[in-house]
Amino acid sequence: MKYAGTIFIITGAIFVLIGIILYLGLNLSWPGKLPGDIRIIRPGYSLYFPVTTCIVASILVYLIRYLLKIFR
């Protein structure tokens, strides 16, 4: 149970940091506009699939989990 508590605390801290960034209005326009993200815009229809953004997010989650495993 201690490990689960640690995960919840760290996850909460990450959400708080994201909330502060959004509240302060810092312009983070790059997520979703990376090269490799698929965006099709037509009259009456739009499709958006963030391929590269998903890969970057996956790598970040992996690195966070790896660091937690090392320092545990």
PDB file of N, CA and C in Angstrom:
ATOM      1  N   MET A   1       0.811  -1.201   0.000  1.00  0.00           N
ATOM      2  CA  MET A   1       0.000   0.000   0.000  1.00  0.00           C
ATOM      3  C   MET A   1       0.851   1.260   0.000  1.00  0.00           C
ATOM      4  N   LYS A   2       2.055   1.163   0.546  1.00  0.00           N
ATOM      5  CA  LYS A   2       2.919   2.331   0.568  1.00  0.00           C
ATOM      6  C   LYS A   2       3.277   2.776  -0.851  1.00  0.00           C
ATOM      7  N   TYR A   3       3.519   1.802  -1.694  1.00  0.00           N
ATOM      8  CA  TYR A   3       3.888   2.100  -3.073  1.00  0.00           C
ATOM      9  C   TYR A   3       2.742   2.783  -3.805  1.00  0.00           C
ATOM     10  N   ALA A   4       1.518   2.305  -3.596  1.00  0.00           N
ATOM     11  CA  ALA A   4       0.352   2.916  -4.237  1.00  0.00           C
ATOM     12  C   ALA A   4       0.175   4.350  -3.750  1.00  0.00           C
ATOM     13  N   GLY A   5       0.405   4.589  -2.475  1.00  0.00           N
ATOM     14  CA  GLY A   5       0.313   5.939  -1.938  1.00  0.00           C
ATOM     15  C   GLY A   5       1.327   6.873  -2.568  1.00  0.00           C
ATOM     16  N   THR A   6       2.537   6.367  -2.761  1.00  0.00           N
ATOM     17  CA  THR A   6       3.585   7.168  -3.401  1.00  0.00           C
ATOM     18  C   THR A   6       3.196   7.527  -4.828  1.00  0.00           C
ATOM     19  N   ILE A   7       2.644   6.580  -5.551  1.00  0.00           N
ATOM     20  CA  ILE A   7       2.213   6.839  -6.927  1.00  0.00           C
ATOM     21  C   ILE A   7       1.128   7.912  -6.952  1.00  0.00           C
ATOM     22  N   PHE A   8       0.171   7.821  -6.030  1.00  0.00           N
ATOM     23  CA  PHE A   8      -0.897   8.822  -5.984  1.00  0.00           C
ATOM     24  C   PHE A   8      -0.357  10.209  -5.647  1.00  0.00           C
ATOM     25  N   ILE A   9       0.593  10.285  -4.751  1.00  0.00           N
ATOM     26  CA  ILE A   9       1.170  11.582  -4.381  1.00  0.00           C
ATOM     27  C   ILE A   9       1.916  12.183  -5.561  1.00  0.00           C
ATOM     28  N   ILE A  10       2.709  11.397  -6.239  1.00  0.00           N
ATOM     29  CA  ILE A  10       3.476  11.902  -7.380  1.00  0.00           C
ATOM     30  C   ILE A  10       2.538  12.300  -8.522  1.00  0.00           C
ATOM     31  N   THR A  11       1.535  11.483  -8.790  1.00  0.00           N
ATOM     32  CA  THR A  11       0.560  11.809  -9.831  1.00  0.00           C
ATOM     33  C   THR A  11      -0.171  13.100  -9.497  1.00  0.00           C
ATOM     34  N   GLY A  12      -0.543  13.254  -8.230  1.00  0.00           N
ATOM     35  CA  GLY A  12      -1.208  14.480  -7.801  1.00  0.00           C
ATOM     36  C   GLY A  12      -0.314  15.699  -7.970  1.00  0.00           C
ATOM     37  N   ALA A  13       0.960  15.551  -7.644  1.00  0.00           N
ATOM     38  CA  ALA A  13       1.900  16.661  -7.797  1.00  0.00           C
ATOM     39  C   ALA A  13       2.042  17.057  -9.265  1.00  0.00           C
ATOM     40  N   ILE A  14       2.059  16.080 -10.142  1.00  0.00           N
ATOM     41  CA  ILE A  14       2.152  16.371 -11.578  1.00  0.00           C
ATOM     42  C   ILE A  14       0.909  17.115 -12.041  1.00  0.00           C
ATOM     43  N   PHE A  15      -0.280  16.675 -11.581  1.00  0.00           N
ATOM     44  CA  PHE A  15      -1.512  17.372 -11.955  1.00  0.00           C
ATOM     45  C   PHE A  15      -1.542  18.795 -11.407  1.00  0.00           C
ATOM     46  N   VAL A  16      -1.016  19.003 -10.209  1.00  0.00           N
ATOM     47  CA  VAL A  16      -0.961  20.350  -9.645  1.00  0.00           C
ATOM     48  C   VAL A  16      -0.056  21.239 -10.492  1.00  0.00           C
ATOM     49  N   LEU A  17       1.088  20.721 -10.904  1.00  0.00           N
ATOM     50  CA  LEU A  17       1.990  21.499 -11.754  1.00  0.00           C
ATOM     51  C   LEU A  17       1.343  21.853 -13.092  1.00  0.00           C
ATOM     52  N   ILE A  18       0.655  20.901 -13.684  1.00  0.00           N
ATOM     53  CA  ILE A  18      -0.043  21.164 -14.943  1.00  0.00           C
ATOM     54  C   ILE A  18      -1.127  22.216 -14.727  1.00  0.00           C
ATOM     55  N   GLY A  19      -1.850  22.120 -13.619  1.00  0.00           N
ATOM     56  CA  GLY A  19      -2.884  23.094 -13.303  1.00  0.00           C
ATOM     57  C   GLY A  19      -2.322  24.488 -13.119  1.00  0.00           C
ATOM     58  N   ILE A  20      -1.185  24.602 -12.449  1.00  0.00           N
ATOM     59  CA  ILE A  20      -0.547  25.915 -12.262  1.00  0.00           C
ATOM     60  C   ILE A  20      -0.126  26.500 -13.596  1.00  0.00           C
ATOM     61  N   ILE A  21       0.436  25.666 -14.455  1.00  0.00           N
ATOM     62  CA  ILE A  21       0.854  26.141 -15.776  1.00  0.00           C
ATOM     63  C   ILE A  21      -0.352  26.641 -16.566  1.00  0.00           C
ATOM     64  N   LEU A  22      -1.448  25.888 -16.536  1.00  0.00           N
ATOM     65  CA  LEU A  22      -2.644  26.305 -17.265  1.00  0.00           C
ATOM     66  C   LEU A  22      -3.273  27.554 -16.641  1.00  0.00           C
ATOM     67  N   TYR A  23      -3.251  27.644 -15.320  1.00  0.00           N
ATOM     68  CA  TYR A  23      -3.844  28.791 -14.634  1.00  0.00           C
ATOM     69  C   TYR A  23      -3.073  30.072 -14.934  1.00  0.00           C
ATOM     70  N   LEU A  24      -1.761  29.979 -14.958  1.00  0.00           N
ATOM     71  CA  LEU A  24      -0.942  31.156 -15.231  1.00  0.00           C
ATOM     72  C   LEU A  24      -0.983  31.559 -16.698  1.00  0.00           C
ATOM     73  N   GLY A  25      -1.513  30.707 -17.514  1.00  0.00           N
ATOM     74  CA  GLY A  25      -1.679  31.038 -18.922  1.00  0.00           C
ATOM     75  C   GLY A  25      -0.401  30.945 -19.730  1.00  0.00           C
ATOM     76  N   LEU A  26       0.525  30.135 -19.286  1.00  0.00           N
ATOM     77  CA  LEU A  26       1.746  29.971 -20.065  1.00  0.00           C
ATOM     78  C   LEU A  26       1.384  29.308 -21.387  1.00  0.00           C
ATOM     79  N   ASN A  27       1.929  29.817 -22.438  1.00  0.00           N
ATOM     80  CA  ASN A  27       1.566  29.360 -23.767  1.00  0.00           C
ATOM     81  C   ASN A  27       2.326  28.087 -24.125  1.00  0.00           C
ATOM     82  N   LEU A  28       1.652  26.974 -24.021  1.00  0.00           N
ATOM     83  CA  LEU A  28       2.220  25.699 -24.438  1.00  0.00           C
ATOM     84  C   LEU A  28       1.512  25.266 -25.717  1.00  0.00           C
ATOM     85  N   SER A  29       1.876  25.878 -26.812  1.00  0.00           N
ATOM     86  CA  SER A  29       1.184  25.585 -28.065  1.00  0.00           C
ATOM     87  C   SER A  29       1.806  24.410 -28.821  1.00  0.00           C
ATOM     88  N   TRP A  30       2.957  23.933 -28.388  1.00  0.00           N
ATOM     89  CA  TRP A  30       3.605  22.860 -29.145  1.00  0.00           C
ATOM     90  C   TRP A  30       2.932  21.507 -28.994  1.00  0.00           C
ATOM     91  N   PRO A  31       2.299  21.164 -27.844  1.00  0.00           N
ATOM     92  CA  PRO A  31       1.649  19.841 -27.827  1.00  0.00           C
ATOM     93  C   PRO A  31       0.521  19.785 -28.852  1.00  0.00           C
ATOM     94  N   GLY A  32       0.587  18.830 -29.704  1.00  0.00           N
ATOM     95  CA  GLY A  32      -0.432  18.690 -30.729  1.00  0.00           C
ATOM     96  C   GLY A  32      -0.083  19.357 -32.045  1.00  0.00           C
ATOM     97  N   LYS A  33       1.030  20.056 -32.085  1.00  0.00           N
ATOM     98  CA  LYS A  33       1.433  20.709 -33.329  1.00  0.00           C
ATOM     99  C   LYS A  33       2.847  20.291 -33.732  1.00  0.00           C
ATOM    100  N   LEU A  34       3.221  19.105 -33.354  1.00  0.00           N
ATOM    101  CA  LEU A  34       4.546  18.602 -33.698  1.00  0.00           C
ATOM    102  C   LEU A  34       4.538  18.035 -35.116  1.00  0.00           C
ATOM    103  N   PRO A  35       5.701  18.007 -35.769  1.00  0.00           N
ATOM    104  CA  PRO A  35       5.765  17.367 -37.078  1.00  0.00           C
ATOM    105  C   PRO A  35       5.414  15.884 -36.940  1.00  0.00           C
ATOM    106  N   GLY A  36       4.570  15.394 -37.779  1.00  0.00           N
ATOM    107  CA  GLY A  36       4.149  14.009 -37.715  1.00  0.00           C
ATOM    108  C   GLY A  36       2.732  13.850 -37.182  1.00  0.00           C
ATOM    109  N   ASP A  37       2.177  14.913 -36.600  1.00  0.00           N
ATOM    110  CA  ASP A  37       0.781  14.872 -36.172  1.00  0.00           C
ATOM    111  C   ASP A  37      -0.099  15.033 -37.408  1.00  0.00           C
ATOM    112  N   ILE A  38      -1.114  14.203 -37.506  1.00  0.00           N
ATOM    113  CA  ILE A  38      -1.983  14.206 -38.687  1.00  0.00           C
ATOM    114  C   ILE A  38      -3.151  15.144 -38.431  1.00  0.00           C
ATOM    115  N   ARG A  39      -3.328  16.112 -39.312  1.00  0.00           N
ATOM    116  CA  ARG A  39      -4.430  17.068 -39.201  1.00  0.00           C
ATOM    117  C   ARG A  39      -5.040  17.255 -40.584  1.00  0.00           C
ATOM    118  N   ILE A  40      -6.309  16.885 -40.704  1.00  0.00           N
ATOM    119  CA  ILE A  40      -7.043  17.055 -41.955  1.00  0.00           C
ATOM    120  C   ILE A  40      -8.233  17.960 -41.659  1.00  0.00           C
ATOM    121  N   ILE A  41      -8.256  19.095 -42.315  1.00  0.00           N
ATOM    122  CA  ILE A  41      -9.349  20.049 -42.109  1.00  0.00           C
ATOM    123  C   ILE A  41     -10.023  20.300 -43.447  1.00  0.00           C
ATOM    124  N   ARG A  42     -11.299  19.993 -43.523  1.00  0.00           N
ATOM    125  CA  ARG A  42     -12.097  20.209 -44.730  1.00  0.00           C
ATOM    126  C   ARG A  42     -13.387  20.896 -44.317  1.00  0.00           C
ATOM    127  N   PRO A  43     -14.100  21.477 -45.232  1.00  0.00           N
ATOM    128  CA  PRO A  43     -15.365  22.133 -44.863  1.00  0.00           C
ATOM    129  C   PRO A  43     -16.345  21.130 -44.240  1.00  0.00           C
ATOM    130  N   GLY A  44     -16.751  21.411 -43.027  1.00  0.00           N
ATOM    131  CA  GLY A  44     -17.701  20.551 -42.339  1.00  0.00           C
ATOM    132  C   GLY A  44     -17.102  19.302 -41.726  1.00  0.00           C
ATOM    133  N   TYR A  45     -15.770  19.158 -41.771  1.00  0.00           N
ATOM    134  CA  TYR A  45     -15.140  17.943 -41.284  1.00  0.00           C
ATOM    135  C   TYR A  45     -13.713  18.251 -40.864  1.00  0.00           C
ATOM    136  N   SER A  46     -13.320  17.732 -39.731  1.00  0.00           N
ATOM    137  CA  SER A  46     -11.920  17.844 -39.335  1.00  0.00           C
ATOM    138  C   SER A  46     -11.499  16.567 -38.623  1.00  0.00           C
ATOM    139  N   LEU A  47     -10.290  16.140 -38.896  1.00  0.00           N
ATOM    140  CA  LEU A  47      -9.724  14.946 -38.289  1.00  0.00           C
ATOM    141  C   LEU A  47      -8.359  15.319 -37.743  1.00  0.00           C
ATOM    142  N   TYR A  48      -8.114  14.923 -36.509  1.00  0.00           N
ATOM    143  CA  TYR A  48      -6.837  15.216 -35.888  1.00  0.00           C
ATOM    144  C   TYR A  48      -6.360  13.971 -35.160  1.00  0.00           C
ATOM    145  N   PHE A  49      -5.155  13.510 -35.464  1.00  0.00           N
ATOM    146  CA  PHE A  49      -4.572  12.358 -34.803  1.00  0.00           C
ATOM    147  C   PHE A  49      -3.124  12.689 -34.448  1.00  0.00           C
ATOM    148  N   PRO A  50      -2.844  12.923 -33.162  1.00  0.00           N
ATOM    149  CA  PRO A  50      -1.502  13.366 -32.743  1.00  0.00           C
ATOM    150  C   PRO A  50      -0.512  12.215 -32.578  1.00  0.00           C
ATOM    151  N   VAL A  51       0.001  11.709 -33.667  1.00  0.00           N
ATOM    152  CA  VAL A  51       0.913  10.561 -33.637  1.00  0.00           C
ATOM    153  C   VAL A  51       2.189  10.900 -32.869  1.00  0.00           C
ATOM    154  N   THR A  52       2.869  11.952 -33.270  1.00  0.00           N
ATOM    155  CA  THR A  52       4.137  12.321 -32.644  1.00  0.00           C
ATOM    156  C   THR A  52       3.942  12.744 -31.194  1.00  0.00           C
ATOM    157  N   THR A  53       2.867  13.467 -30.906  1.00  0.00           N
ATOM    158  CA  THR A  53       2.594  13.883 -29.538  1.00  0.00           C
ATOM    159  C   THR A  53       2.382  12.667 -28.646  1.00  0.00           C
ATOM    160  N   CYS A  54       1.708  11.646 -29.146  1.00  0.00           N
ATOM    161  CA  CYS A  54       1.501  10.418 -28.372  1.00  0.00           C
ATOM    162  C   CYS A  54       2.821   9.709 -28.099  1.00  0.00           C
ATOM    163  N   ILE A  55       3.707   9.701 -29.067  1.00  0.00           N
ATOM    164  CA  ILE A  55       5.008   9.065 -28.885  1.00  0.00           C
ATOM    165  C   ILE A  55       5.827   9.818 -27.838  1.00  0.00           C
ATOM    166  N   VAL A  56       5.832  11.151 -27.912  1.00  0.00           N
ATOM    167  CA  VAL A  56       6.566  11.959 -26.934  1.00  0.00           C
ATOM    168  C   VAL A  56       5.983  11.749 -25.535  1.00  0.00           C
ATOM    169  N   ALA A  57       4.670  11.751 -25.408  1.00  0.00           N
ATOM    170  CA  ALA A  57       4.033  11.534 -24.111  1.00  0.00           C
ATOM    171  C   ALA A  57       4.371  10.144 -23.567  1.00  0.00           C
ATOM    172  N   SER A  58       4.403   9.156 -24.426  1.00  0.00           N
ATOM    173  CA  SER A  58       4.744   7.799 -24.007  1.00  0.00           C
ATOM    174  C   SER A  58       6.175   7.727 -23.491  1.00  0.00           C
ATOM    175  N   ILE A  59       7.088   8.388 -24.170  1.00  0.00           N
ATOM    176  CA  ILE A  59       8.487   8.404 -23.728  1.00  0.00           C
ATOM    177  C   ILE A  59       8.608   9.100 -22.379  1.00  0.00           C
ATOM    178  N   LEU A  60       7.892  10.202 -22.180  1.00  0.00           N
ATOM    179  CA  LEU A  60       7.938  10.908 -20.895  1.00  0.00           C
ATOM    180  C   LEU A  60       7.389  10.042 -19.757  1.00  0.00           C
ATOM    181  N   VAL A  61       6.300   9.358 -20.000  1.00  0.00           N
ATOM    182  CA  VAL A  61       5.734   8.473 -18.975  1.00  0.00           C
ATOM    183  C   VAL A  61       6.705   7.344 -18.660  1.00  0.00           C
ATOM    184  N   TYR A  62       7.335   6.787 -19.678  1.00  0.00           N
ATOM    185  CA  TYR A  62       8.317   5.735 -19.470  1.00  0.00           C
ATOM    186  C   TYR A  62       9.482   6.232 -18.622  1.00  0.00           C
ATOM    187  N   LEU A  63      10.000   7.424 -18.934  1.00  0.00           N
ATOM    188  CA  LEU A  63      11.127   7.967 -18.177  1.00  0.00           C
ATOM    189  C   LEU A  63      10.754   8.227 -16.728  1.00  0.00           C
ATOM    190  N   ILE A  64       9.557   8.731 -16.485  1.00  0.00           N
ATOM    191  CA  ILE A  64       9.105   8.976 -15.113  1.00  0.00           C
ATOM    192  C   ILE A  64       9.010   7.659 -14.350  1.00  0.00           C
ATOM    193  N   ARG A  65       8.425   6.643 -14.975  1.00  0.00           N
ATOM    194  CA  ARG A  65       8.321   5.336 -14.313  1.00  0.00           C
ATOM    195  C   ARG A  65       9.702   4.729 -14.066  1.00  0.00           C
ATOM    196  N   TYR A  66      10.609   4.904 -15.015  1.00  0.00           N
ATOM    197  CA  TYR A  66      11.960   4.390 -14.866  1.00  0.00           C
ATOM    198  C   TYR A  66      12.674   5.073 -13.701  1.00  0.00           C
ATOM    199  N   LEU A  67      12.557   6.395 -13.611  1.00  0.00           N
ATOM    200  CA  LEU A  67      13.188   7.126 -12.514  1.00  0.00           C
ATOM    201  C   LEU A  67      12.581   6.745 -11.162  1.00  0.00           C
ATOM    202  N   LEU A  68      11.267   6.527 -11.127  1.00  0.00           N
ATOM    203  CA  LEU A  68      10.641   6.087  -9.883  1.00  0.00           C
ATOM    204  C   LEU A  68      11.141   4.720  -9.466  1.00  0.00           C
ATOM    205  N   LYS A  69      11.378   3.871 -10.442  1.00  0.00           N
ATOM    206  CA  LYS A  69      11.875   2.528 -10.152  1.00  0.00           C
ATOM    207  C   LYS A  69      13.310   2.578  -9.628  1.00  0.00           C
ATOM    208  N   ILE A  70      14.121   3.476 -10.175  1.00  0.00           N
ATOM    209  CA  ILE A  70      15.519   3.597  -9.739  1.00  0.00           C
ATOM    210  C   ILE A  70      15.594   4.125  -8.305  1.00  0.00           C
ATOM    211  N   PHE A  71      14.820   5.173  -8.023  1.00  0.00           N
ATOM    212  CA  PHE A  71      14.920   5.833  -6.721  1.00  0.00           C
ATOM    213  C   PHE A  71      14.022   5.208  -5.655  1.00  0.00           C
ATOM    214  N   ARG A  72      13.399   4.136  -5.956  1.00  0.00           N
ATOM    215  CA  ARG A  72      12.534   3.458  -5.003  1.00  0.00           C
ATOM    216  C   ARG A  72      13.297   2.671  -4.002  1.00  0.00           C
TER     217      ARG A  72
END
